[in-house]
Protein backbone atom coordinates (compact mmCIF):
# COMPACT_ATOMS: atom_id res chain seq x y z
CA MET A 1 17.86 0.82 -2.46
CA PRO A 2 18.46 -2.53 -0.60
CA LEU A 3 15.82 -4.45 -2.53
CA PRO A 4 17.96 -6.84 -4.78
CA THR A 5 18.49 -5.77 -8.38
CA THR A 6 21.36 -8.12 -9.21
CA ARG A 7 21.47 -11.97 -9.81
CA THR A 8 23.49 -12.75 -6.83
CA VAL A 9 23.20 -11.98 -3.08
CA ALA A 10 25.18 -8.91 -1.86
CA TYR A 11 25.65 -7.20 1.57
CA GLY A 12 22.70 -4.85 2.35
CA ASP A 13 20.26 -6.84 0.29
CA ILE A 14 16.76 -7.45 1.68
CA VAL A 15 16.26 -11.26 0.92
CA LEU A 16 13.46 -13.68 1.32
CA ILE A 17 14.44 -17.03 3.09
CA THR A 18 12.24 -20.16 3.06
CA GLY A 19 12.61 -23.80 3.76
CA LYS A 20 10.67 -27.01 3.13
CA ASP A 21 7.69 -26.02 5.27
CA ARG A 22 7.26 -22.81 3.32
CA ARG A 23 7.58 -20.44 6.22
CA THR A 24 9.08 -17.20 4.94
CA PHE A 25 11.53 -14.73 6.58
CA ILE A 26 12.55 -11.28 5.37
CA ARG A 27 16.06 -10.33 6.42
CA THR A 28 18.77 -7.87 5.60
CA VAL A 29 22.14 -9.38 4.63
CA GLY A 30 24.73 -8.10 7.04
CA GLU A 31 28.42 -8.66 7.18
CA GLY A 32 29.56 -10.94 10.14
CA LYS A 33 25.93 -11.69 11.00
CA ARG A 34 23.89 -14.84 10.59
CA PHE A 35 20.25 -15.81 10.02
CA GLU A 36 18.60 -18.21 12.59
CA CYS A 37 15.39 -20.10 12.55
CA HIS A 38 13.77 -23.40 13.56
CA LEU A 39 15.78 -25.16 10.87
CA GLY A 40 19.17 -23.91 12.00
CA TYR A 41 21.39 -21.01 11.03
CA ILE A 42 23.33 -19.82 8.03
CA ASN A 43 26.10 -17.17 7.90
CA TYR A 44 25.28 -14.29 5.79
CA ASP A 45 28.94 -14.19 4.70
CA ASP A 46 28.52 -17.64 3.26
CA ILE A 47 25.58 -16.53 1.02
CA VAL A 48 27.01 -13.29 -0.50
CA GLY A 49 27.75 -14.03 -4.20
CA VAL A 50 25.40 -16.96 -4.16
CA PRO A 51 22.88 -16.86 -7.19
CA TYR A 52 19.25 -16.11 -6.13
CA GLY A 53 17.08 -19.18 -6.33
CA GLU A 54 19.75 -21.43 -5.07
CA GLN A 55 19.66 -23.43 -1.82
CA VAL A 56 21.97 -23.15 1.12
CA ALA A 57 22.17 -25.62 3.88
CA THR A 58 22.07 -24.77 7.64
CA GLN A 59 24.44 -26.35 10.11
CA MET A 60 21.70 -28.72 10.74
CA GLY A 61 21.63 -29.80 7.07
CA HIS A 62 18.28 -28.32 6.29
CA LYS A 63 18.19 -26.56 2.83
CA LEU A 64 16.86 -23.00 2.50
CA PHE A 65 16.06 -21.10 -0.62
CA ILE A 66 17.45 -17.48 -0.95
CA LEU A 67 15.03 -15.50 -3.03
CA PRO A 68 14.53 -11.79 -3.96
CA PRO A 69 11.37 -10.45 -2.31
CA ASN A 70 8.68 -8.67 -4.06
CA THR A 71 6.50 -5.73 -2.57
CA ASP A 72 3.84 -8.31 -1.57
CA ASP A 73 6.50 -10.17 0.60
CA ILE A 74 7.67 -6.86 2.11
CA VAL A 75 4.32 -5.60 3.10
CA SER A 76 3.24 -9.10 4.47
CA HIS A 77 6.25 -9.03 6.88
CA LEU A 78 6.12 -5.36 7.90
CA GLN A 79 6.40 -4.64 11.58
CA ARG A 80 3.03 -3.17 12.56
CA GLU A 81 1.27 -1.60 15.42
CA GLY A 82 -2.27 -2.22 13.93
CA GLN A 83 -4.09 -3.40 10.81
CA ILE A 84 -2.59 -2.65 7.41
CA ILE A 85 -4.05 -2.34 4.04
CA PHE A 86 -3.83 -5.80 2.44
CA PRO A 87 -1.60 -6.45 -0.53
CA LYS A 88 -4.59 -7.36 -2.69
CA ASP A 89 -5.95 -3.82 -2.16
CA LEU A 90 -2.56 -2.01 -2.37
CA GLY A 91 -1.85 -2.87 -6.02
CA TYR A 92 -5.36 -1.90 -7.17
CA ILE A 93 -5.20 1.49 -5.20
CA THR A 94 -2.02 2.43 -6.86
CA LEU A 95 -3.54 1.51 -10.19
CA LYS A 96 -6.65 3.56 -9.73
CA LEU A 97 -4.70 6.50 -8.37
CA GLY A 98 -2.42 6.66 -11.43
CA ILE A 99 0.81 6.25 -9.44
CA ARG A 100 3.84 6.22 -11.65
CA PRO A 101 7.48 7.58 -11.62
CA GLY A 102 7.32 11.47 -11.07
CA VAL A 103 3.90 11.49 -9.35
CA ARG A 104 3.32 13.55 -6.17
CA VAL A 105 0.93 11.77 -3.87
CA LEU A 106 -0.67 12.57 -0.52
CA GLU A 107 -1.63 10.05 2.08
CA ALA A 108 -3.55 10.53 5.41
CA GLY A 109 -3.42 7.77 7.93
CA THR A 110 0.04 6.47 7.61
CA GLY A 111 -0.35 3.49 10.01
CA SER A 112 2.54 1.17 9.82
CA GLY A 113 3.30 2.37 6.34
CA ALA A 114 2.16 -0.47 4.03
CA LEU A 115 0.66 1.92 1.35
CA THR A 116 3.39 4.45 2.03
CA LEU A 117 6.26 2.24 1.01
CA THR A 118 4.35 0.84 -1.85
CA LEU A 119 3.64 4.42 -3.03
CA ALA A 120 7.42 5.29 -2.44
CA LEU A 121 8.53 2.32 -4.51
CA LEU A 122 6.37 3.42 -7.46
CA VAL A 123 6.90 7.11 -7.62
CA GLY A 124 10.50 6.54 -8.28
CA GLU A 125 13.35 9.15 -7.55
CA SER A 126 11.50 11.85 -9.44
CA GLY A 127 8.21 11.55 -7.53
CA HIS A 128 7.35 12.01 -3.70
CA VAL A 129 5.03 10.77 -1.07
CA TYR A 130 3.58 13.10 1.59
CA THR A 131 2.00 11.19 4.53
CA TYR A 132 0.13 12.42 7.54
CA GLU A 133 -0.40 10.60 10.89
CA ARG A 134 -1.56 11.98 14.15
CA ARG A 135 -0.39 9.19 16.28
CA GLN A 136 3.27 9.32 17.18
CA LYS A 137 3.87 5.65 17.86
CA MET A 138 2.35 4.69 14.47
CA GLN A 139 4.45 7.13 12.63
CA GLU A 140 7.76 6.03 14.38
CA ARG A 141 6.95 2.47 13.18
CA ALA A 142 6.32 3.65 9.60
CA ILE A 143 9.45 5.55 9.47
CA THR A 144 11.40 2.39 10.72
CA ASN A 145 9.80 0.35 7.96
CA ILE A 146 10.51 2.98 5.31
CA ARG A 147 14.08 3.45 6.42
CA ARG A 148 14.74 -0.29 6.27
CA LEU A 149 13.92 -0.25 2.53
CA GLY A 150 16.13 2.92 2.03
CA LEU A 151 13.22 5.12 0.81
CA LEU A 152 13.11 7.86 3.37
CA ASP A 153 14.26 10.38 0.73
CA ARG A 154 11.08 9.80 -1.14
CA VAL A 155 8.59 10.33 1.88
CA THR A 156 7.88 13.39 3.84
CA PHE A 157 6.30 12.55 7.17
CA HIS A 158 3.82 14.94 9.01
CA GLN A 159 2.59 14.27 12.47
CA ARG A 160 -0.68 16.14 12.94
CA ASP A 161 -4.44 15.85 12.34
CA ILE A 162 -5.46 16.71 8.82
CA GLU A 163 -8.33 18.86 10.08
CA ARG A 164 -5.89 21.68 9.73
CA GLY A 165 -5.42 20.77 6.01
CA PHE A 166 -2.47 19.81 4.04
CA ASP A 167 0.72 21.86 3.33
CA GLU A 168 1.03 20.54 -0.22
CA ARG A 169 -0.85 21.82 -3.27
CA ASP A 170 -1.55 20.55 -6.84
CA VAL A 171 -0.76 16.90 -6.01
CA ASN A 172 -1.58 14.31 -8.50
CA ALA A 173 -3.25 11.92 -6.05
CA LEU A 174 -4.51 11.62 -2.55
CA PHE A 175 -5.73 8.76 -0.38
CA LEU A 176 -7.52 8.74 2.93
CA ASP A 177 -7.29 5.78 5.44
CA VAL A 178 -9.01 7.66 8.25
CA ARG A 179 -12.21 6.83 10.33
CA GLU A 180 -14.44 9.69 8.91
CA PRO A 181 -12.86 10.67 5.48
CA TRP A 182 -16.00 12.75 4.57
CA ASP A 183 -14.97 15.31 7.08
CA TYR A 184 -11.73 16.11 5.14
CA LEU A 185 -13.04 16.33 1.58
CA PRO A 186 -12.64 20.10 1.52
CA GLN A 187 -8.96 19.77 2.70
CA ALA A 188 -8.42 17.06 0.13
CA ARG A 189 -9.90 19.12 -2.84
CA GLU A 190 -7.70 21.99 -1.85
CA ALA A 191 -4.59 19.99 -2.01
CA LEU A 192 -5.44 18.24 -5.25
CA ALA A 193 -4.67 19.46 -8.73
CA GLY A 194 -7.63 19.74 -11.07
CA GLY A 195 -8.54 16.28 -12.35
CA GLY A 196 -6.47 14.72 -9.61
CA PHE A 197 -7.15 11.19 -8.28
CA PHE A 198 -8.92 10.67 -4.95
CA GLY A 199 -9.25 7.42 -3.08
CA ALA A 200 -10.34 6.13 0.33
CA ILE A 201 -10.72 2.87 2.17
CA VAL A 202 -13.47 2.31 4.86
CA PRO A 203 -14.59 -0.91 6.53
CA THR A 204 -18.30 -0.48 6.84
CA ILE A 205 -21.32 0.16 4.44
CA ASN A 206 -22.39 2.97 6.87
CA GLN A 207 -19.06 4.78 6.15
CA VAL A 208 -19.55 4.26 2.50
CA ILE A 209 -22.89 5.86 2.40
CA GLU A 210 -21.62 8.91 4.22
CA LEU A 211 -18.59 9.27 2.03
CA THR A 212 -20.52 8.67 -1.12
CA GLU A 213 -23.19 11.43 -0.25
CA ALA A 214 -20.42 13.91 0.52
CA LEU A 215 -18.56 13.25 -2.77
CA TYR A 216 -21.78 13.07 -4.82
CA ASN A 217 -22.74 16.62 -3.70
CA GLY A 218 -19.13 18.05 -3.98
CA PRO A 219 -16.62 19.03 -6.51
CA TRP A 220 -15.87 15.41 -7.54
CA TYR A 221 -16.76 13.16 -10.57
CA PHE A 222 -16.34 9.53 -11.72
CA LEU A 223 -17.42 8.17 -8.32
CA GLU A 224 -16.74 4.46 -7.87
CA ILE A 225 -17.24 1.97 -5.02
CA GLU A 226 -15.61 -1.36 -5.07
CA GLU A 227 -14.73 -4.29 -3.01
CA LEU A 228 -11.92 -6.80 -3.83
CA ILE A 229 -12.31 -10.43 -2.86
CA ARG A 230 -9.31 -12.81 -3.05
CA ARG A 231 -9.53 -16.64 -3.06
CA THR A 232 -6.40 -18.75 -2.74
CA TYR A 233 -6.00 -22.44 -3.59
CA LYS A 234 -4.08 -25.32 -2.27
CA THR A 235 -1.17 -26.03 -4.64
CA ILE A 236 -0.55 -29.73 -4.16
CA PRO A 237 -1.03 -31.14 -7.80
CA ALA A 238 -2.82 -34.24 -6.59
CA ARG A 239 -5.53 -32.23 -4.94
CA ILE A 240 -5.79 -28.60 -6.01
CA ARG A 241 -8.81 -27.05 -4.45
CA PRO A 242 -9.71 -23.69 -2.67
CA ASP A 243 -8.14 -23.16 0.74
CA ASP A 244 -10.26 -24.00 3.71
CA GLN A 245 -10.18 -20.42 4.97
CA MET A 246 -10.21 -17.07 3.39
CA ILE A 247 -10.50 -13.36 4.40
CA GLY A 248 -13.95 -12.49 3.47
CA HIS A 249 -13.70 -8.70 3.87
CA THR A 250 -10.99 -6.04 4.32
CA GLY A 251 -12.51 -2.81 3.31
CA PHE A 252 -14.49 -0.86 0.65
CA LEU A 253 -12.57 1.28 -1.85
CA VAL A 254 -14.02 4.48 -2.93
CA PHE A 255 -12.51 6.56 -5.93
CA ALA A 256 -13.29 9.82 -7.53
CA ARG A 257 -11.74 12.58 -9.55
CA ALA A 258 -11.25 16.18 -8.53
CA VAL A 259 -13.23 18.71 -10.76
CA ALA A 260 -14.40 22.24 -10.75
CA ARG A 261 -17.98 21.73 -9.70
CA GLU A 262 -19.31 23.61 -6.72
CA ASP A 263 -23.05 23.16 -6.99
CA ARG A 264 -24.56 19.79 -7.60
CA SER A 265 -27.84 21.28 -8.48
CA ASP A 266 -26.41 23.23 -11.47
CA PRO A 267 -27.87 21.49 -14.60
CA ASP A 268 -24.78 22.23 -16.65
CA THR A 269 -22.62 20.39 -14.28
CA ALA A 270 -24.97 17.68 -13.07
CA ALA A 271 -26.19 16.54 -16.66
CA GLY A 272 -25.04 13.12 -17.62
CA ASP A 273 -23.87 12.07 -14.18
CA GLU A 274 -26.14 8.99 -14.03
CA PRO A 275 -25.74 5.89 -16.15
CA ASP A 276 -28.60 5.13 -18.55
CA ASP A 277 -29.46 1.80 -16.91
CA ALA A 278 -29.36 3.08 -13.24
CA SER A 279 -30.62 6.52 -12.97
CA ASP A 280 -30.55 6.53 -9.16
CA ASP A 281 -26.83 5.54 -9.02
CA ALA A 282 -23.93 7.89 -8.34
CA SER A 283 -21.77 9.18 -11.15
């Protein structure tokens, strides 16, 4: 994997380069090549063997830090065809889906591959990611992004509409990033193992209501609806305060567990679904 694991820069590493203005660049260190930006250029040959965290001067005398990137950095710099799932949501999604080494996980709505690469990093060499996208251009972009990180062997790409269902069965987790996820819940349940983790992201309350009703009346349990708000601060010590602008909304996250319940009206399966303090809430 080209993400750095050593203390010094090596050929093939993906590195984060930044200068005094804090503009960041993600680049792959290539032999005989160089990095160029508004502050000048540096030859990659000159930084191989340099410890991470050191500064390297451009031909113009400007000093640049060479740092190992994290997943947030990689996702933020992805080549994209459309909107991606934001890093603030990505980490929480993987936590709620129980993603860990060895897990098999399905994704529908690959997009530019932000969630795909995050999942691929976390499932390790013993796990696998299966992702479905009906748009060829989107899938090609995602493949390029995953290839850049050397993770293609952990991902199987399908180009088709998930209305026809999924090829895989008994997967540990499944996530939908599609416009009408409620239309594909039967296909999702068929692919998930019993007790498996389900998740979806939708941008509007209307979609949340539609999806919630479908989950509530189907073979699902532990329904949760959440929205994550992230607020950043200026980091100048003399005047630390919130940033002037923030992203107010990205999407609503909906989670559930796959269970063997076919009839919501069955008192044996419905009992105990509602919390004591809110009898009209979903389970």
